[in-house]
C-alpha atoms as a PDB file:
ATOM      1  CA  MET A   1     114.290 252.108  93.783  1.00  0.00           C
ATOM      2  CA  GLY A   2     115.335 248.473  93.045  1.00  0.00           C
ATOM      3  CA  GLN A   3     114.810 246.538  89.896  1.00  0.00           C
ATOM      4  CA  LYS A   4     111.787 244.310  89.769  1.00  0.00           C
ATOM      5  CA  LYS A   5     112.489 240.613  89.897  1.00  0.00           C
ATOM      6  CA  PRO A   6     111.951 239.013  86.478  1.00  0.00           C
ATOM      7  CA  GLU A   7     109.318 236.339  86.182  1.00  0.00           C
ATOM      8  CA  GLY A   8     110.415 232.927  84.986  1.00  0.00           C
ATOM      9  CA  PRO A   9     113.907 231.537  84.578  1.00  0.00           C
ATOM     10  CA  THR A  10     117.020 233.584  83.970  1.00  0.00           C
ATOM     11  CA  PHE A  11     118.332 233.751  80.417  1.00  0.00           C
ATOM     12  CA  GLU A  12     121.084 231.267  81.237  1.00  0.00           C
ATOM     13  CA  ALA A  13     118.670 228.844  82.901  1.00  0.00           C
ATOM     14  CA  ALA A  14     116.284 229.070  79.944  1.00  0.00           C
ATOM     15  CA  ILE A  15     119.085 228.361  77.456  1.00  0.00           C
ATOM     16  CA  GLY A  16     120.204 225.397  79.548  1.00  0.00           C
ATOM     17  CA  ARG A  17     116.672 224.009  79.621  1.00  0.00           C
ATOM     18  CA  LEU A  18     116.318 224.534  75.860  1.00  0.00           C
ATOM     19  CA  GLU A  19     119.507 222.552  75.298  1.00  0.00           C
ATOM     20  CA  ALA A  20     118.164 219.742  77.502  1.00  0.00           C
ATOM     21  CA  LEU A  21     114.865 219.741  75.587  1.00  0.00           C
ATOM     22  CA  VAL A  22     116.663 219.495  72.261  1.00  0.00           C
ATOM     23  CA  ARG A  23     118.792 216.602  73.504  1.00  0.00           C
ATOM     24  CA  GLU A  24     115.714 214.768  74.746  1.00  0.00           C
ATOM     25  CA  LEU A  25     113.795 215.365  71.530  1.00  0.00           C
ATOM     26  CA  GLU A  26     116.748 214.219  69.411  1.00  0.00           C
ATOM     27  CA  THR A  27     117.677 211.103  71.354  1.00  0.00           C
ATOM     28  CA  ALA A  28     114.507 209.768  72.911  1.00  0.00           C
ATOM     29  CA  ASP A  29     111.856 207.596  71.359  1.00  0.00           C
ATOM     30  CA  LEU A  30     109.033 209.724  72.715  1.00  0.00           C
ATOM     31  CA  PRO A  31     105.292 209.351  72.458  1.00  0.00           C
ATOM     32  CA  LEU A  32     103.766 212.107  70.335  1.00  0.00           C
ATOM     33  CA  ASP A  33     102.057 213.799  73.303  1.00  0.00           C
ATOM     34  CA  ARG A  34     105.347 214.020  75.229  1.00  0.00           C
ATOM     35  CA  ALA A  35     107.232 215.326  72.183  1.00  0.00           C
ATOM     36  CA  LEU A  36     104.587 217.994  71.620  1.00  0.00           C
ATOM     37  CA  ALA A  37     104.705 219.039  75.283  1.00  0.00           C
ATOM     38  CA  LEU A  38     108.501 219.378  75.112  1.00  0.00           C
ATOM     39  CA  PHE A  39     108.239 221.322  71.860  1.00  0.00           C
ATOM     40  CA  GLN A  40     105.684 223.692  73.383  1.00  0.00           C
ATOM     41  CA  GLU A  41     107.920 224.271  76.410  1.00  0.00           C
ATOM     42  CA  GLY A  42     110.809 224.990  74.064  1.00  0.00           C
ATOM     43  CA  ILE A  43     108.801 227.538  72.079  1.00  0.00           C
ATOM     44  CA  GLU A  44     107.773 229.324  75.287  1.00  0.00           C
ATOM     45  CA  LEU A  45     111.379 229.390  76.527  1.00  0.00           C
ATOM     46  CA  SER A  46     112.593 230.622  73.146  1.00  0.00           C
ATOM     47  CA  ARG A  47     110.104 233.494  73.165  1.00  0.00           C
ATOM     48  CA  GLY A  48     111.145 234.396  76.698  1.00  0.00           C
ATOM     49  CA  CYS A  49     114.819 234.431  75.696  1.00  0.00           C
ATOM     50  CA  ALA A  50     114.061 236.630  72.687  1.00  0.00           C
ATOM     51  CA  ALA A  51     112.209 239.088  74.932  1.00  0.00           C
ATOM     52  CA  MET A  52     115.128 239.168  77.389  1.00  0.00           C
ATOM     53  CA  LEU A  53     117.579 239.823  74.545  1.00  0.00           C
ATOM     54  CA  ASP A  54     115.378 242.622  73.189  1.00  0.00           C
ATOM     55  CA  GLU A  55     115.277 244.236  76.630  1.00  0.00           C
ATOM     56  CA  ALA A  56     119.050 243.905  77.015  1.00  0.00           C
ATOM     57  CA  GLU A  57     119.533 245.580  73.640  1.00  0.00           C
ATOM     58  CA  ARG A  58     117.280 248.487  74.662  1.00  0.00           C
ATOM     59  CA  ARG A  59     119.185 248.909  77.922  1.00  0.00           C
ATOM     60  CA  ILE A  60     122.534 248.917  76.096  1.00  0.00           C
ATOM     61  CA  GLU A  61     121.273 251.545  73.655  1.00  0.00           C
ATOM     62  CA  ARG A  62     120.064 253.768  76.519  1.00  0.00           C
ATOM     63  CA  LEU A  63     123.359 253.395  78.372  1.00  0.00           C
ATOM     64  CA  ALA A  64     125.445 254.051  75.264  1.00  0.00           C
ATOM     65  CA  GLN A  65     123.501 257.196  74.410  1.00  0.00           C
ATOM     66  CA  GLY A  66     124.209 258.637  77.823  1.00  0.00           C
ATOM     67  CA  GLU A  67     124.408 262.364  78.314  1.00  0.00           C
ATOM     68  CA  ALA A  68     126.222 263.049  75.046  1.00  0.00           C
ATOM     69  CA  GLY A  69     123.300 261.734  73.041  1.00  0.00           C
ATOM     70  CA  THR A  70     125.587 259.661  70.852  1.00  0.00           C
ATOM     71  CA  ARG A  71     124.008 256.968  68.746  1.00  0.00           C
ATOM     72  CA  LEU A  72     125.350 253.436  68.327  1.00  0.00           C
ATOM     73  CA  GLU A  73     126.141 252.145  64.874  1.00  0.00           C
ATOM     74  CA  PRO A  74     124.998 248.614  64.034  1.00  0.00           C
ATOM     75  CA  LEU A  75     127.767 246.043  64.231  1.00  0.00           C
ATOM     76  CA  GLU A  76     128.583 244.411  60.929  1.00  0.00           C
ATOM     77  CA  ILE A  77     129.635 240.812  61.325  1.00  0.00           C
ATOM     78  CA  LYS A  78     131.679 239.507  58.417  1.00  0.00           C
ATOM     79  CA  GLU A  79     131.503 235.808  57.771  1.00  0.00           C
ATOM     80  CA  GLU A  80     134.725 233.866  57.402  1.00  0.00           C
ATOM     81  CA  GLY A  81     135.858 233.487  53.820  1.00  0.00           C
ATOM     82  CA  ALA A  82     133.784 236.466  52.686  1.00  0.00           C
END
């Protein structure tokens, strides 16, 4: 059984489009309606990326548990200078 094809852009494509939206919003002298439309598109892309990351995290947890039933420990990220 194959994986179902995801709807919408890939994660990488969505991030690329978000970067382009930010550049346009930061550099362009846009009419309010255009700026709002770009902002709305960015919010929708951001939510889609968050959902893809959540799904990836769930898949990693399932794979890591495997047959042994081991549980992953959360990764602690220490900030520089801390």
